[in-house]
N, C-alpha and C. Protein backbone atom coordinates (compact mmCIF):
# COMPACT_ATOMS: atom_id res chain seq x y z
N SER A 1 10.40 -9.55 -26.94
CA SER A 1 10.68 -9.96 -25.58
C SER A 1 10.15 -8.97 -24.62
N LEU A 2 10.09 -9.45 -23.44
CA LEU A 2 9.50 -8.58 -22.35
C LEU A 2 10.28 -7.45 -22.00
N LEU A 3 11.64 -7.72 -22.12
CA LEU A 3 12.67 -6.57 -21.74
C LEU A 3 12.60 -5.44 -22.78
N GLY A 4 12.46 -5.87 -24.00
CA GLY A 4 12.37 -4.79 -25.01
C GLY A 4 11.02 -4.00 -24.92
N MET A 5 9.94 -4.70 -24.49
CA MET A 5 8.72 -4.09 -24.23
C MET A 5 8.77 -3.13 -23.13
N GLY A 6 9.59 -3.43 -22.00
CA GLY A 6 9.75 -2.59 -20.93
C GLY A 6 10.39 -1.21 -21.25
N VAL A 7 11.38 -1.34 -22.20
CA VAL A 7 12.21 -0.23 -22.63
C VAL A 7 11.23 0.69 -23.46
N MET A 8 10.47 0.01 -24.39
CA MET A 8 9.52 0.72 -25.25
C MET A 8 8.42 1.42 -24.46
N ILE A 9 7.92 0.89 -23.30
CA ILE A 9 6.99 1.54 -22.53
C ILE A 9 7.54 2.84 -22.00
N GLY A 10 8.87 2.83 -21.50
CA GLY A 10 9.43 3.95 -21.06
C GLY A 10 9.65 5.04 -22.09
N ILE A 11 10.05 4.57 -23.36
CA ILE A 11 10.21 5.58 -24.43
C ILE A 11 8.88 6.18 -24.84
N VAL A 12 7.79 5.34 -24.98
CA VAL A 12 6.52 5.84 -25.45
C VAL A 12 5.86 6.79 -24.36
N SER A 13 5.88 6.39 -23.16
CA SER A 13 5.31 7.25 -22.20
C SER A 13 6.07 8.64 -21.93
N SER A 14 7.46 8.63 -22.16
CA SER A 14 8.26 9.70 -22.07
C SER A 14 7.89 10.72 -23.36
N GLY A 15 7.60 10.02 -24.44
CA GLY A 15 7.25 10.91 -25.57
C GLY A 15 5.94 11.67 -25.36
N ILE A 16 5.07 11.21 -24.66
CA ILE A 16 3.70 11.79 -24.39
C ILE A 16 4.03 13.06 -23.42
N GLY A 17 4.85 12.85 -22.48
CA GLY A 17 5.28 13.93 -21.65
C GLY A 17 4.33 14.08 -20.39
N GLY A 18 4.90 14.81 -19.32
CA GLY A 18 4.06 15.03 -18.12
C GLY A 18 4.58 14.12 -17.14
N ALA A 19 4.32 14.65 -15.87
CA ALA A 19 4.92 13.79 -14.75
C ALA A 19 4.05 12.60 -14.52
N PHE A 20 2.76 12.55 -14.77
CA PHE A 20 2.00 11.47 -14.65
C PHE A 20 2.33 10.30 -15.64
N PHE A 21 2.74 10.66 -16.89
CA PHE A 21 3.17 9.62 -17.81
C PHE A 21 4.50 9.15 -17.54
N ASP A 22 5.38 9.99 -17.08
CA ASP A 22 6.73 9.63 -16.63
C ASP A 22 6.64 8.57 -15.41
N ALA A 23 5.71 8.87 -14.46
CA ALA A 23 5.56 7.84 -13.35
C ALA A 23 4.87 6.55 -13.92
N LEU A 24 3.92 6.75 -14.79
CA LEU A 24 3.29 5.45 -15.52
C LEU A 24 4.35 4.66 -16.23
N GLY A 25 5.22 5.46 -16.92
CA GLY A 25 6.35 4.62 -17.67
C GLY A 25 7.23 3.91 -16.68
N VAL A 26 7.67 4.59 -15.63
CA VAL A 26 8.53 3.94 -14.64
C VAL A 26 7.83 2.71 -14.05
N ALA A 27 6.46 2.87 -13.59
CA ALA A 27 5.70 1.78 -13.04
C ALA A 27 5.57 0.69 -14.16
N GLY A 28 5.31 1.00 -15.28
CA GLY A 28 5.09 0.10 -16.38
C GLY A 28 6.41 -0.81 -16.61
N THR A 29 7.53 -0.15 -16.69
CA THR A 29 8.79 -0.92 -16.91
C THR A 29 9.08 -1.72 -15.67
N LEU A 30 8.78 -1.36 -14.45
CA LEU A 30 8.96 -2.29 -13.31
C LEU A 30 8.09 -3.43 -13.40
N LEU A 31 6.85 -3.25 -13.75
CA LEU A 31 5.96 -4.43 -13.83
C LEU A 31 6.32 -5.37 -14.99
N ILE A 32 6.72 -4.91 -16.02
CA ILE A 32 7.16 -5.79 -17.15
C ILE A 32 8.47 -6.45 -16.84
N PHE A 33 9.38 -5.82 -16.04
CA PHE A 33 10.57 -6.58 -15.70
C PHE A 33 10.29 -7.56 -14.62
N PHE A 34 9.45 -7.29 -13.68
CA PHE A 34 8.98 -8.32 -12.66
C PHE A 34 8.38 -9.57 -13.34
N ALA A 35 7.57 -9.35 -14.40
CA ALA A 35 6.95 -10.48 -15.07
C ALA A 35 8.10 -11.25 -15.80
N ALA A 36 8.95 -10.49 -16.44
CA ALA A 36 10.13 -11.14 -17.13
C ALA A 36 10.88 -12.03 -16.25
N GLY A 37 11.16 -11.58 -15.02
CA GLY A 37 11.98 -12.27 -14.02
C GLY A 37 11.29 -13.54 -13.65
N TRP A 38 9.88 -13.49 -13.43
CA TRP A 38 9.11 -14.58 -12.90
C TRP A 38 8.94 -15.60 -14.14
N LEU A 39 8.87 -15.18 -15.25
CA LEU A 39 8.70 -16.15 -16.37
C LEU A 39 10.02 -16.83 -16.69
N PHE A 40 11.11 -16.03 -16.57
CA PHE A 40 12.49 -16.67 -16.75
C PHE A 40 12.81 -17.70 -15.76
N LEU A 41 12.41 -17.38 -14.47
CA LEU A 41 12.74 -18.35 -13.46
C LEU A 41 11.84 -19.62 -13.63
N THR A 42 10.48 -19.45 -13.79
CA THR A 42 9.68 -20.58 -13.83
C THR A 42 9.81 -21.41 -15.16
N ARG A 43 10.15 -20.69 -16.31
CA ARG A 43 10.18 -21.48 -17.50
C ARG A 43 11.60 -21.94 -17.80
N LYS A 44 12.58 -21.44 -17.48
CA LYS A 44 13.96 -21.74 -17.80
C LYS A 44 14.68 -22.43 -16.71
N VAL A 45 14.76 -21.76 -15.53
CA VAL A 45 15.57 -22.31 -14.34
C VAL A 45 14.91 -23.39 -13.66
N LEU A 46 13.59 -23.18 -13.40
CA LEU A 46 12.87 -24.26 -12.43
C LEU A 46 11.84 -25.15 -13.33
N LYS A 47 12.09 -25.31 -14.63
CA LYS A 47 11.15 -25.95 -15.39
C LYS A 47 11.08 -27.47 -15.03
N ASP A 48 12.09 -28.18 -14.60
CA ASP A 48 12.09 -29.47 -14.26
C ASP A 48 11.98 -29.76 -12.80
N HIS A 49 11.75 -28.88 -12.03
CA HIS A 49 11.81 -28.98 -10.45
C HIS A 49 10.38 -28.92 -10.06
N GLU A 50 9.92 -29.88 -9.07
CA GLU A 50 8.63 -29.85 -8.49
C GLU A 50 8.41 -28.88 -7.42
N ALA A 51 9.42 -28.71 -6.57
CA ALA A 51 9.39 -27.76 -5.40
C ALA A 51 9.64 -26.34 -5.98
N LYS A 52 8.57 -25.52 -5.90
CA LYS A 52 8.73 -24.14 -6.20
C LYS A 52 8.16 -23.25 -5.06
N ALA A 53 9.16 -22.69 -4.36
CA ALA A 53 8.67 -21.78 -3.26
C ALA A 53 8.36 -20.39 -3.75
N TRP A 54 7.11 -19.98 -3.32
CA TRP A 54 6.57 -18.51 -3.76
C TRP A 54 7.49 -17.55 -3.25
N LEU A 55 8.03 -17.55 -2.06
CA LEU A 55 8.94 -16.56 -1.55
C LEU A 55 10.20 -16.41 -2.42
N VAL A 56 10.81 -17.51 -2.71
CA VAL A 56 12.06 -17.50 -3.63
C VAL A 56 11.78 -16.90 -4.96
N GLN A 57 10.80 -17.44 -5.52
CA GLN A 57 10.32 -16.77 -6.85
C GLN A 57 10.06 -15.40 -6.87
N SER A 58 9.40 -14.96 -5.87
CA SER A 58 9.14 -13.42 -5.74
C SER A 58 10.27 -12.69 -5.54
N LEU A 59 11.29 -13.09 -4.67
CA LEU A 59 12.50 -12.43 -4.41
C LEU A 59 13.39 -12.39 -5.50
N PHE A 60 13.61 -13.44 -6.29
CA PHE A 60 14.30 -13.42 -7.53
C PHE A 60 13.72 -12.47 -8.50
N SER A 61 12.40 -12.48 -8.66
CA SER A 61 11.78 -11.50 -9.64
C SER A 61 11.99 -10.07 -9.23
N VAL A 62 11.93 -9.82 -7.94
CA VAL A 62 12.26 -8.40 -7.45
C VAL A 62 13.67 -8.00 -7.86
N ILE A 63 14.56 -8.80 -7.48
CA ILE A 63 16.04 -8.46 -7.82
C ILE A 63 16.30 -8.43 -9.32
N PHE A 64 15.61 -9.23 -10.11
CA PHE A 64 15.75 -9.12 -11.46
C PHE A 64 15.09 -7.87 -12.03
N MET A 65 13.97 -7.48 -11.41
CA MET A 65 13.23 -6.27 -11.77
C MET A 65 14.11 -5.07 -11.46
N LEU A 66 14.76 -4.89 -10.31
CA LEU A 66 15.60 -3.87 -9.97
C LEU A 66 16.87 -3.74 -10.79
N SER A 67 17.36 -4.85 -11.15
CA SER A 67 18.66 -4.89 -11.95
C SER A 67 18.34 -4.46 -13.40
N CYS A 68 17.15 -5.05 -13.92
CA CYS A 68 16.81 -4.43 -15.21
C CYS A 68 16.36 -3.04 -15.31
N SER A 69 15.82 -2.59 -14.17
CA SER A 69 15.49 -1.08 -14.16
C SER A 69 16.60 -0.22 -14.15
N MET A 70 17.62 -0.66 -13.31
CA MET A 70 18.86 0.20 -13.16
C MET A 70 19.55 0.26 -14.65
N TYR A 71 19.46 -0.85 -15.44
CA TYR A 71 20.14 -1.00 -16.60
C TYR A 71 19.41 -0.03 -17.59
N CYS A 72 18.04 -0.08 -17.53
CA CYS A 72 17.28 0.82 -18.46
C CYS A 72 17.39 2.34 -18.01
N LEU A 73 17.65 2.57 -16.69
CA LEU A 73 17.76 3.95 -16.37
C LEU A 73 19.24 4.49 -16.90
N VAL A 74 20.25 3.57 -17.08
CA VAL A 74 21.45 3.91 -17.71
C VAL A 74 21.07 4.37 -19.18
N LEU A 75 20.34 3.51 -19.84
CA LEU A 75 19.94 3.80 -21.28
C LEU A 75 19.11 5.00 -21.31
N PHE A 76 18.12 5.20 -20.38
CA PHE A 76 17.29 6.42 -20.45
C PHE A 76 18.13 7.65 -20.11
N GLU A 77 19.24 7.57 -19.33
CA GLU A 77 20.16 8.78 -19.23
C GLU A 77 20.61 9.13 -20.39
N VAL A 78 21.22 8.08 -21.24
CA VAL A 78 21.94 8.46 -22.49
C VAL A 78 20.96 8.90 -23.52
N LEU A 79 19.70 8.33 -23.62
CA LEU A 79 18.79 8.69 -24.68
C LEU A 79 17.92 9.88 -24.32
N GLY A 80 18.00 10.22 -23.01
CA GLY A 80 17.20 11.41 -22.59
C GLY A 80 15.66 11.14 -22.39
N VAL A 81 15.44 9.85 -22.08
CA VAL A 81 14.02 9.56 -21.92
C VAL A 81 13.61 9.88 -20.41
N PHE A 82 12.38 10.33 -20.33
CA PHE A 82 11.74 10.97 -19.18
C PHE A 82 12.50 12.21 -18.69
N SER A 83 11.89 12.99 -17.83
CA SER A 83 12.33 14.25 -17.46
C SER A 83 13.57 13.94 -16.45
N ASP A 84 14.26 15.01 -16.25
CA ASP A 84 15.43 14.86 -15.22
C ASP A 84 15.02 14.40 -13.91
N GLU A 85 13.86 15.08 -13.47
CA GLU A 85 13.34 14.96 -12.11
C GLU A 85 12.72 13.40 -12.03
N ALA A 86 12.16 12.94 -13.12
CA ALA A 86 11.53 11.56 -13.01
C ALA A 86 12.73 10.46 -12.98
N ARG A 87 13.64 10.79 -13.81
CA ARG A 87 14.86 9.91 -13.75
C ARG A 87 15.54 9.88 -12.34
N TRP A 88 15.84 11.01 -11.75
CA TRP A 88 16.29 11.10 -10.38
C TRP A 88 15.46 10.30 -9.37
N TRP A 89 14.15 10.62 -9.33
CA TRP A 89 13.29 9.78 -8.44
C TRP A 89 13.34 8.18 -8.66
N ALA A 90 13.43 7.91 -10.03
CA ALA A 90 13.54 6.36 -10.33
C ALA A 90 14.91 5.98 -9.90
N TRP A 91 15.94 6.69 -10.07
CA TRP A 91 17.31 6.10 -9.51
C TRP A 91 17.14 5.97 -8.05
N LYS A 92 16.63 6.90 -7.28
CA LYS A 92 16.47 6.83 -5.91
C LYS A 92 15.56 5.78 -5.40
N LEU A 93 14.55 5.65 -6.06
CA LEU A 93 13.67 4.51 -5.68
C LEU A 93 14.44 3.15 -5.91
N ASP A 94 15.09 3.01 -7.09
CA ASP A 94 15.90 1.69 -7.27
C ASP A 94 16.86 1.34 -6.28
N LEU A 95 17.80 2.50 -6.15
CA LEU A 95 18.90 2.31 -5.18
C LEU A 95 18.37 1.91 -3.84
N VAL A 96 17.37 2.74 -3.33
CA VAL A 96 16.99 2.35 -1.88
C VAL A 96 16.28 0.93 -1.82
N ALA A 97 15.47 0.62 -2.86
CA ALA A 97 14.94 -0.63 -2.95
C ALA A 97 15.98 -1.84 -2.93
N VAL A 98 16.95 -1.58 -3.75
CA VAL A 98 18.05 -2.65 -3.77
C VAL A 98 18.70 -2.79 -2.43
N ILE A 99 18.97 -1.63 -1.78
CA ILE A 99 19.71 -1.70 -0.42
C ILE A 99 18.77 -2.41 0.62
N VAL A 100 17.48 -2.04 0.57
CA VAL A 100 16.55 -2.73 1.55
C VAL A 100 16.42 -4.21 1.19
N VAL A 101 16.32 -4.58 0.00
CA VAL A 101 16.18 -5.99 -0.46
C VAL A 101 17.46 -6.73 0.04
N LEU A 102 18.64 -6.26 -0.36
CA LEU A 102 19.93 -6.99 -0.09
C LEU A 102 20.27 -6.96 1.34
N ILE A 103 19.98 -5.91 2.19
CA ILE A 103 20.49 -5.86 3.57
C ILE A 103 19.42 -6.47 4.50
N PHE A 104 18.06 -6.32 4.19
CA PHE A 104 17.18 -6.74 5.26
C PHE A 104 16.37 -7.92 4.78
N ILE A 105 15.72 -7.78 3.60
CA ILE A 105 14.87 -8.91 3.21
C ILE A 105 15.51 -10.18 2.87
N LEU A 106 16.44 -10.20 2.00
CA LEU A 106 17.20 -11.49 1.67
C LEU A 106 17.75 -12.17 2.76
N PRO A 107 18.59 -11.60 3.66
CA PRO A 107 19.09 -12.35 4.82
C PRO A 107 17.87 -12.81 5.73
N TYR A 108 16.91 -12.15 5.98
CA TYR A 108 15.76 -12.63 6.82
C TYR A 108 15.15 -13.80 6.15
N SER A 109 14.88 -13.61 4.87
CA SER A 109 14.16 -14.90 4.28
C SER A 109 15.10 -16.11 3.97
N PHE A 110 16.33 -15.82 3.97
CA PHE A 110 17.35 -16.94 4.00
C PHE A 110 17.27 -17.76 5.37
N PHE A 111 17.30 -16.90 6.41
CA PHE A 111 17.33 -17.61 7.70
C PHE A 111 15.87 -18.23 8.02
N PHE A 112 14.91 -17.57 7.49
CA PHE A 112 13.56 -18.08 7.73
C PHE A 112 13.30 -19.35 6.91
N LEU A 113 13.70 -19.52 5.67
CA LEU A 113 13.64 -20.66 4.96
C LEU A 113 14.56 -21.80 5.41
N THR A 114 15.79 -21.49 5.93
CA THR A 114 16.67 -22.36 6.51
C THR A 114 16.26 -23.03 7.82
N LEU A 115 15.77 -22.16 8.65
CA LEU A 115 15.47 -22.67 9.99
C LEU A 115 14.01 -23.09 10.10
N ARG A 116 13.24 -23.03 9.10
CA ARG A 116 11.87 -23.39 9.08
C ARG A 116 11.67 -24.86 9.35
């Protein structure tokens, strides 16, 4: 599954070591989780619907990606994957992104799509 592949990318890139590979592992897991959210929404949730809004699909995939990333960061903390500094930056990135999406982007897009 794509979720397992995202975790494996983090573990493999951490095993290589170095700040570049830690950043590459975090970016790889985020990309895989975004793709997993997009595929889940289009193939499972919206498979029988004709109307598919690109904005809604993107926002769902971003929230799915950030949620899976935080879950993986909990696993990475327990398993000791990535350096301490890389995990700290990943936590900071995820939490700030969740706050921005939930407080600013989702309400704006809701009103934009409703009042359009």
